[in-house]
C-alpha atoms as a PDB file:
ATOM      1  CA  MET A   1     -11.938  24.143 -21.010  1.00  0.00           C
ATOM      2  CA  VAL A   2      -9.992  23.735 -17.765  1.00  0.00           C
ATOM      3  CA  ALA A   3      -6.425  25.976 -17.464  1.00  0.00           C
ATOM      4  CA  GLY A   4      -3.060  23.864 -18.613  1.00  0.00           C
ATOM      5  CA  ARG A   5      -1.970  23.396 -15.136  1.00  0.00           C
ATOM      6  CA  TYR A   6      -5.291  21.793 -13.747  1.00  0.00           C
ATOM      7  CA  LYS A   7      -5.438  19.106 -16.384  1.00  0.00           C
ATOM      8  CA  SER A   8      -2.373  16.634 -15.155  1.00  0.00           C
ATOM      9  CA  ARG A   9      -3.055  14.371 -12.221  1.00  0.00           C
ATOM     10  CA  THR A  10      -1.146  15.561  -9.755  1.00  0.00           C
ATOM     11  CA  LEU A  11      -3.886  17.708  -8.287  1.00  0.00           C
ATOM     12  CA  ARG A  12      -6.795  15.933  -6.501  1.00  0.00           C
ATOM     13  CA  ARG A  13     -10.644  16.633  -7.819  1.00  0.00           C
ATOM     14  CA  LYS A  14     -13.106  17.897  -5.437  1.00  0.00           C
ATOM     15  CA  LYS A  15     -16.460  18.311  -6.650  1.00  0.00           C
ATOM     16  CA  VAL A  16     -18.201  21.298  -4.340  1.00  0.00           C
ATOM     17  CA  LYS A  17     -21.210  22.380  -4.691  1.00  0.00           C
ATOM     18  CA  THR A  18     -21.359  26.205  -4.283  1.00  0.00           C
ATOM     19  CA  PRO A  19     -24.084  28.734  -2.407  1.00  0.00           C
ATOM     20  CA  GLY A  20     -25.180  29.035  -6.035  1.00  0.00           C
ATOM     21  CA  GLY A  21     -26.003  25.849  -6.540  1.00  0.00           C
ATOM     22  CA  ARG A  22     -23.300  24.735  -9.512  1.00  0.00           C
ATOM     23  CA  LEU A  23     -20.982  22.128  -8.858  1.00  0.00           C
ATOM     24  CA  THR A  24     -17.636  23.328  -9.601  1.00  0.00           C
ATOM     25  CA  THR A  25     -14.442  21.548  -9.311  1.00  0.00           C
ATOM     26  CA  HIS A  26     -11.950  22.507  -6.767  1.00  0.00           C
ATOM     27  CA  TYR A  27      -8.554  20.993  -7.157  1.00  0.00           C
ATOM     28  CA  LEU A  28      -6.297  20.432  -4.144  1.00  0.00           C
ATOM     29  CA  LYS A  29      -2.551  18.693  -3.631  1.00  0.00           C
ATOM     30  CA  ARG A  30      -2.873  15.617  -2.837  1.00  0.00           C
ATOM     31  CA  LYS A  31      -1.891  14.456   0.844  1.00  0.00           C
ATOM     32  CA  PRO A  32       1.282  12.616   1.745  1.00  0.00           C
ATOM     33  CA  LYS A  33       2.086   8.800   1.873  1.00  0.00           C
ATOM     34  CA  LYS A  34       1.567   7.027   4.969  1.00  0.00           C
ATOM     35  CA  ALA A  35       4.132   6.468   7.698  1.00  0.00           C
ATOM     36  CA  HIS A  36       5.975   3.476   7.641  1.00  0.00           C
ATOM     37  CA  CYS A  37       7.803   1.350  10.291  1.00  0.00           C
ATOM     38  CA  ALA A  38      11.350   2.160   9.460  1.00  0.00           C
ATOM     39  CA  GLU A  39      12.138  -1.995  10.260  1.00  0.00           C
ATOM     40  CA  CYS A  40       9.204  -3.700   9.052  1.00  0.00           C
ATOM     41  CA  GLY A  41       7.774  -1.698   6.878  1.00  0.00           C
ATOM     42  CA  VAL A  42       4.418  -1.550   8.395  1.00  0.00           C
ATOM     43  CA  VAL A  43       1.853   1.460   8.457  1.00  0.00           C
ATOM     44  CA  LEU A  44       2.323   3.273  11.742  1.00  0.00           C
ATOM     45  CA  SER A  45      -1.149   4.028  13.545  1.00  0.00           C
ATOM     46  CA  GLY A  46      -1.394   7.314  15.642  1.00  0.00           C
ATOM     47  CA  VAL A  47       0.369   9.090  13.056  1.00  0.00           C
ATOM     48  CA  PRO A  48      -1.204  11.593  10.677  1.00  0.00           C
ATOM     49  CA  ARG A  49      -1.248  11.780   6.823  1.00  0.00           C
ATOM     50  CA  GLU A  50      -1.067  15.720   6.292  1.00  0.00           C
ATOM     51  CA  ARG A  51       0.548  18.167   4.631  1.00  0.00           C
ATOM     52  CA  PRO A  52       3.511  20.291   6.200  1.00  0.00           C
ATOM     53  CA  TYR A  53       1.606  22.973   6.779  1.00  0.00           C
ATOM     54  CA  ILE A  54      -1.261  21.479   8.724  1.00  0.00           C
ATOM     55  CA  MET A  55       1.460  18.633  10.643  1.00  0.00           C
ATOM     56  CA  ARG A  56       3.564  23.028  11.633  1.00  0.00           C
ATOM     57  CA  ASN A  57       0.035  23.740  13.454  1.00  0.00           C
ATOM     58  CA  LEU A  58      -0.012  20.382  15.664  1.00  0.00           C
ATOM     59  CA  GLY A  59       0.954  19.681  18.687  1.00  0.00           C
ATOM     60  CA  LYS A  60       3.529  17.674  19.452  1.00  0.00           C
ATOM     61  CA  THR A  61       1.794  14.741  20.836  1.00  0.00           C
ATOM     62  CA  LYS A  62      -0.785  14.563  17.731  1.00  0.00           C
ATOM     63  CA  LYS A  63       1.973  14.097  15.291  1.00  0.00           C
ATOM     64  CA  ARG A  64       3.689  11.122  16.424  1.00  0.00           C
ATOM     65  CA  PRO A  65       3.438   8.292  19.809  1.00  0.00           C
ATOM     66  CA  GLU A  66       4.485   9.679  22.946  1.00  0.00           C
ATOM     67  CA  ARG A  67       6.369   6.450  24.033  1.00  0.00           C
ATOM     68  CA  PRO A  68       9.832   5.551  22.866  1.00  0.00           C
ATOM     69  CA  PHE A  69      11.357   5.313  18.678  1.00  0.00           C
ATOM     70  CA  GLY A  70       7.663   6.970  18.609  1.00  0.00           C
ATOM     71  CA  GLY A  71       7.048   7.848  14.924  1.00  0.00           C
ATOM     72  CA  MET A  72       9.810   5.636  13.442  1.00  0.00           C
ATOM     73  CA  LEU A  73       8.685   2.177  14.781  1.00  0.00           C
ATOM     74  CA  CYS A  74       5.943  -0.095  14.771  1.00  0.00           C
ATOM     75  CA  SER A  75       4.772  -0.545  18.423  1.00  0.00           C
ATOM     76  CA  LYS A  76       6.127  -4.292  17.862  1.00  0.00           C
ATOM     77  CA  CYS A  77       9.500  -3.260  16.658  1.00  0.00           C
ATOM     78  CA  SER A  78      10.108  -0.998  19.554  1.00  0.00           C
ATOM     79  CA  ARG A  79       8.972  -3.352  21.586  1.00  0.00           C
ATOM     80  CA  ASP A  80      11.843  -5.427  19.910  1.00  0.00           C
ATOM     81  CA  LEU A  81      14.716  -3.256  20.320  1.00  0.00           C
ATOM     82  CA  ILE A  82      13.960  -2.158  23.819  1.00  0.00           C
ATOM     83  CA  LYS A  83      14.056  -6.103  25.028  1.00  0.00           C
ATOM     84  CA  LYS A  84      17.390  -6.415  22.482  1.00  0.00           C
ATOM     85  CA  GLN A  85      18.818  -3.172  24.501  1.00  0.00           C
ATOM     86  CA  ALA A  86      18.335  -4.039  28.470  1.00  0.00           C
ATOM     87  CA  ARG A  87      19.615  -7.371  27.523  1.00  0.00           C
ATOM     88  CA  LYS A  88      23.180  -5.881  26.761  1.00  0.00           C
END
């Protein structure tokens, strides 16, 4: 019987084959949701879906795209915003 803390679906279950040949279940924390555009809500590409302790060890350019509004707005929305600012 599993311990009570593992019964909820808060933790992700992963089947792992041990060196002895047995199949065991490892309980892992789930990954966070994908990053979304602040303007239109579309899923952002180029932004990894990782837990904070992994994101902390990534380089700056691996965390989000290297462009204005990278990691906040999608390319279409950032393009529109830059055009709007230039026309002012």
